N, C-alpha and C. Protein backbone atom coordinates (compact mmCIF):
# COMPACT_ATOMS: atom_id res chain seq x y z
N MET A 1 -1.15 3.43 4.85
CA MET A 1 -1.17 4.60 4.01
C MET A 1 -1.65 4.17 2.63
N ARG A 2 -2.76 4.71 2.20
CA ARG A 2 -3.30 4.37 0.88
C ARG A 2 -3.16 5.59 -0.01
N LEU A 3 -2.45 5.43 -1.10
CA LEU A 3 -2.23 6.52 -2.05
C LEU A 3 -2.52 6.01 -3.46
N LYS A 4 -2.80 6.92 -4.35
CA LYS A 4 -3.03 6.56 -5.75
C LYS A 4 -1.88 7.09 -6.60
N THR A 5 -1.57 6.35 -7.64
CA THR A 5 -0.59 6.79 -8.62
C THR A 5 -0.99 6.19 -9.95
N ALA A 6 -0.39 6.65 -11.01
CA ALA A 6 -0.69 6.15 -12.35
C ALA A 6 0.57 5.56 -12.96
N VAL A 7 0.38 4.72 -13.94
CA VAL A 7 1.50 4.16 -14.69
C VAL A 7 1.66 5.01 -15.95
N THR A 8 2.87 5.50 -16.18
CA THR A 8 3.11 6.31 -17.37
C THR A 8 3.17 5.43 -18.61
N LYS A 9 3.19 6.06 -19.77
CA LYS A 9 3.27 5.29 -21.02
C LYS A 9 4.60 4.54 -21.12
N PHE A 10 5.56 4.89 -20.27
CA PHE A 10 6.85 4.20 -20.23
C PHE A 10 6.88 3.11 -19.17
N GLY A 11 5.75 2.88 -18.49
CA GLY A 11 5.66 1.84 -17.47
C GLY A 11 6.19 2.26 -16.11
N GLN A 12 6.38 3.56 -15.92
CA GLN A 12 6.91 4.06 -14.66
C GLN A 12 5.77 4.46 -13.72
N ILE A 13 6.06 4.39 -12.41
CA ILE A 13 5.11 4.89 -11.42
C ILE A 13 5.83 5.93 -10.58
N TYR A 14 5.05 6.83 -10.00
CA TYR A 14 5.58 7.89 -9.16
C TYR A 14 5.36 7.50 -7.70
N LEU A 15 6.41 7.53 -6.90
CA LEU A 15 6.30 7.32 -5.46
C LEU A 15 6.45 8.68 -4.79
N PRO A 16 5.42 9.17 -4.12
CA PRO A 16 5.51 10.48 -3.48
C PRO A 16 6.66 10.54 -2.48
N SER A 17 7.18 11.75 -2.28
CA SER A 17 8.33 11.93 -1.39
C SER A 17 8.03 11.43 0.02
N LYS A 18 6.78 11.56 0.47
CA LYS A 18 6.40 11.08 1.81
C LYS A 18 6.66 9.57 1.92
N VAL A 19 6.30 8.83 0.90
CA VAL A 19 6.51 7.37 0.89
C VAL A 19 8.00 7.06 0.83
N ARG A 20 8.71 7.74 -0.05
CA ARG A 20 10.15 7.50 -0.17
C ARG A 20 10.86 7.80 1.14
N LYS A 21 10.45 8.86 1.81
CA LYS A 21 11.08 9.24 3.07
C LYS A 21 10.83 8.19 4.15
N VAL A 22 9.59 7.73 4.27
CA VAL A 22 9.25 6.72 5.28
C VAL A 22 10.03 5.44 5.04
N LEU A 23 10.21 5.07 3.77
CA LEU A 23 10.92 3.83 3.44
C LEU A 23 12.43 4.01 3.33
N GLY A 24 12.89 5.25 3.45
CA GLY A 24 14.32 5.50 3.34
C GLY A 24 14.84 5.28 1.93
N LEU A 25 14.01 5.58 0.94
CA LEU A 25 14.39 5.36 -0.45
C LEU A 25 14.99 6.62 -1.07
N ASP A 26 16.02 6.42 -1.84
CA ASP A 26 16.56 7.49 -2.67
C ASP A 26 16.97 6.85 -4.00
N THR A 27 17.62 7.59 -4.86
CA THR A 27 17.95 7.07 -6.18
C THR A 27 18.99 5.95 -6.16
N THR A 28 19.61 5.72 -5.00
CA THR A 28 20.59 4.63 -4.91
C THR A 28 19.96 3.32 -4.46
N LYS A 29 18.72 3.36 -4.01
CA LYS A 29 18.06 2.16 -3.48
C LYS A 29 17.30 1.43 -4.58
N GLU A 30 17.28 0.12 -4.48
CA GLU A 30 16.54 -0.69 -5.44
C GLU A 30 15.30 -1.26 -4.78
N LEU A 31 14.30 -1.52 -5.59
CA LEU A 31 13.06 -2.13 -5.12
C LEU A 31 12.86 -3.46 -5.84
N GLU A 32 12.12 -4.33 -5.19
CA GLU A 32 11.71 -5.60 -5.80
C GLU A 32 10.19 -5.61 -5.80
N TYR A 33 9.60 -6.36 -6.71
CA TYR A 33 8.15 -6.50 -6.65
C TYR A 33 7.75 -7.94 -6.86
N ILE A 34 6.63 -8.26 -6.26
CA ILE A 34 6.00 -9.56 -6.41
C ILE A 34 4.62 -9.26 -6.99
N ALA A 35 4.26 -9.95 -8.04
CA ALA A 35 2.99 -9.66 -8.70
C ALA A 35 2.23 -10.94 -8.98
N ASN A 36 0.91 -10.81 -8.95
CA ASN A 36 0.04 -11.87 -9.45
C ASN A 36 -1.01 -11.18 -10.33
N ARG A 37 -2.07 -11.84 -10.64
CA ARG A 37 -3.07 -11.26 -11.56
C ARG A 37 -3.83 -10.08 -10.97
N LYS A 38 -3.82 -9.92 -9.65
CA LYS A 38 -4.62 -8.87 -9.02
C LYS A 38 -3.82 -7.84 -8.24
N THR A 39 -2.58 -8.15 -7.87
CA THR A 39 -1.87 -7.30 -6.92
C THR A 39 -0.39 -7.20 -7.27
N ILE A 40 0.17 -6.04 -6.95
CA ILE A 40 1.62 -5.86 -7.03
C ILE A 40 2.08 -5.45 -5.64
N LEU A 41 3.07 -6.14 -5.14
CA LEU A 41 3.65 -5.82 -3.84
C LEU A 41 5.05 -5.28 -4.10
N LEU A 42 5.27 -4.03 -3.72
CA LEU A 42 6.55 -3.36 -3.94
C LEU A 42 7.32 -3.35 -2.63
N LEU A 43 8.56 -3.87 -2.66
CA LEU A 43 9.35 -4.04 -1.45
C LEU A 43 10.75 -3.45 -1.62
N PRO A 44 11.32 -2.93 -0.53
CA PRO A 44 12.73 -2.55 -0.60
C PRO A 44 13.55 -3.82 -0.86
N LYS A 45 14.51 -3.73 -1.76
CA LYS A 45 15.33 -4.90 -2.10
C LYS A 45 16.03 -5.42 -0.85
N GLY A 46 15.98 -6.73 -0.68
CA GLY A 46 16.67 -7.36 0.44
C GLY A 46 15.82 -7.51 1.70
N LEU A 47 14.58 -7.02 1.67
CA LEU A 47 13.71 -7.17 2.83
C LEU A 47 13.47 -8.66 3.07
N SER A 48 13.63 -9.09 4.30
CA SER A 48 13.47 -10.51 4.60
C SER A 48 12.01 -10.92 4.42
N ALA A 49 11.80 -12.20 4.14
CA ALA A 49 10.44 -12.72 3.99
C ALA A 49 9.64 -12.48 5.26
N GLU A 50 10.28 -12.65 6.40
CA GLU A 50 9.60 -12.45 7.69
C GLU A 50 9.12 -11.00 7.83
N ASP A 51 9.98 -10.04 7.50
CA ASP A 51 9.59 -8.63 7.60
C ASP A 51 8.52 -8.28 6.57
N ALA A 52 8.61 -8.87 5.37
CA ALA A 52 7.59 -8.63 4.35
C ALA A 52 6.24 -9.14 4.83
N LEU A 53 6.22 -10.33 5.43
CA LEU A 53 4.96 -10.89 5.93
C LEU A 53 4.39 -10.06 7.08
N LYS A 54 5.24 -9.54 7.94
CA LYS A 54 4.77 -8.66 9.01
C LYS A 54 4.11 -7.41 8.43
N SER A 55 4.74 -6.84 7.41
CA SER A 55 4.18 -5.65 6.75
C SER A 55 2.84 -5.97 6.10
N ILE A 56 2.76 -7.12 5.45
CA ILE A 56 1.51 -7.52 4.81
C ILE A 56 0.41 -7.69 5.85
N ASP A 57 0.74 -8.24 7.00
CA ASP A 57 -0.25 -8.41 8.06
C ASP A 57 -0.75 -7.06 8.56
N ILE A 58 0.13 -6.09 8.69
CA ILE A 58 -0.28 -4.74 9.11
C ILE A 58 -1.20 -4.12 8.06
N ILE A 59 -0.86 -4.29 6.78
CA ILE A 59 -1.71 -3.76 5.71
C ILE A 59 -3.08 -4.44 5.75
N ARG A 60 -3.10 -5.76 5.97
CA ARG A 60 -4.37 -6.50 6.05
C ARG A 60 -5.24 -5.94 7.17
N GLN A 61 -4.62 -5.69 8.32
CA GLN A 61 -5.37 -5.13 9.45
C GLN A 61 -5.90 -3.74 9.12
N ASP A 62 -5.07 -2.92 8.46
CA ASP A 62 -5.52 -1.58 8.06
C ASP A 62 -6.71 -1.66 7.12
N LEU A 63 -6.66 -2.59 6.16
CA LEU A 63 -7.76 -2.75 5.21
C LEU A 63 -9.03 -3.23 5.91
N GLU A 64 -8.89 -4.12 6.88
CA GLU A 64 -10.06 -4.58 7.63
C GLU A 64 -10.67 -3.43 8.42
N ASN A 65 -9.83 -2.58 9.02
CA ASN A 65 -10.33 -1.41 9.75
C ASN A 65 -11.01 -0.43 8.81
N GLU A 66 -10.44 -0.26 7.63
CA GLU A 66 -11.02 0.64 6.63
C GLU A 66 -12.41 0.13 6.22
N LYS A 67 -12.51 -1.18 6.01
CA LYS A 67 -13.77 -1.80 5.64
C LYS A 67 -14.79 -1.63 6.77
N SER A 68 -14.35 -1.82 8.00
CA SER A 68 -15.22 -1.65 9.16
C SER A 68 -15.68 -0.20 9.30
N ASP A 69 -14.75 0.75 9.10
CA ASP A 69 -15.09 2.17 9.17
C ASP A 69 -16.12 2.54 8.12
N LEU A 70 -15.97 2.00 6.90
CA LEU A 70 -16.93 2.27 5.82
C LEU A 70 -18.30 1.72 6.18
N ALA A 71 -18.34 0.50 6.73
CA ALA A 71 -19.61 -0.10 7.13
C ALA A 71 -20.29 0.75 8.20
N ASN A 72 -19.52 1.23 9.17
CA ASN A 72 -20.08 2.08 10.22
C ASN A 72 -20.62 3.39 9.64
N THR A 73 -19.90 3.97 8.71
CA THR A 73 -20.33 5.21 8.07
C THR A 73 -21.64 5.00 7.32
N LEU A 74 -21.74 3.87 6.61
CA LEU A 74 -22.96 3.58 5.88
C LEU A 74 -24.14 3.35 6.83
N GLN A 75 -23.90 2.71 7.96
CA GLN A 75 -24.96 2.50 8.94
C GLN A 75 -25.45 3.81 9.51
N VAL A 76 -24.55 4.72 9.81
CA VAL A 76 -24.92 6.04 10.34
C VAL A 76 -25.72 6.79 9.29
N ALA A 77 -25.32 6.70 8.03
CA ALA A 77 -26.03 7.38 6.95
C ALA A 77 -27.45 6.84 6.82
N GLU A 78 -27.61 5.52 6.96
CA GLU A 78 -28.94 4.89 6.89
C GLU A 78 -29.82 5.38 8.04
N ILE A 79 -29.26 5.47 9.24
CA ILE A 79 -30.02 5.90 10.42
C ILE A 79 -30.49 7.35 10.23
N LYS A 80 -29.66 8.18 9.63
CA LYS A 80 -30.00 9.60 9.46
C LYS A 80 -31.09 9.80 8.42
N LYS A 81 -31.33 8.84 7.56
CA LYS A 81 -32.38 8.98 6.53
C LYS A 81 -33.69 9.02 7.16
């Protein structure tokens, strides 16, 4: 699931209700994040390293499929020219 959000002037981000529902988040749940210079990974607090890595692998596969789908779309567009 790829969604966009913005950072407010207070440093807050909005998580749509669809995302909160899928993750089982409410105002009583805490999140953790891991950040480097290019990426922020937002995780439910207490998620095991093993489960986090499984989730990252699924995201990687989704991104590869997205990249492949874009390449196929561009090829079809070239053929139609």
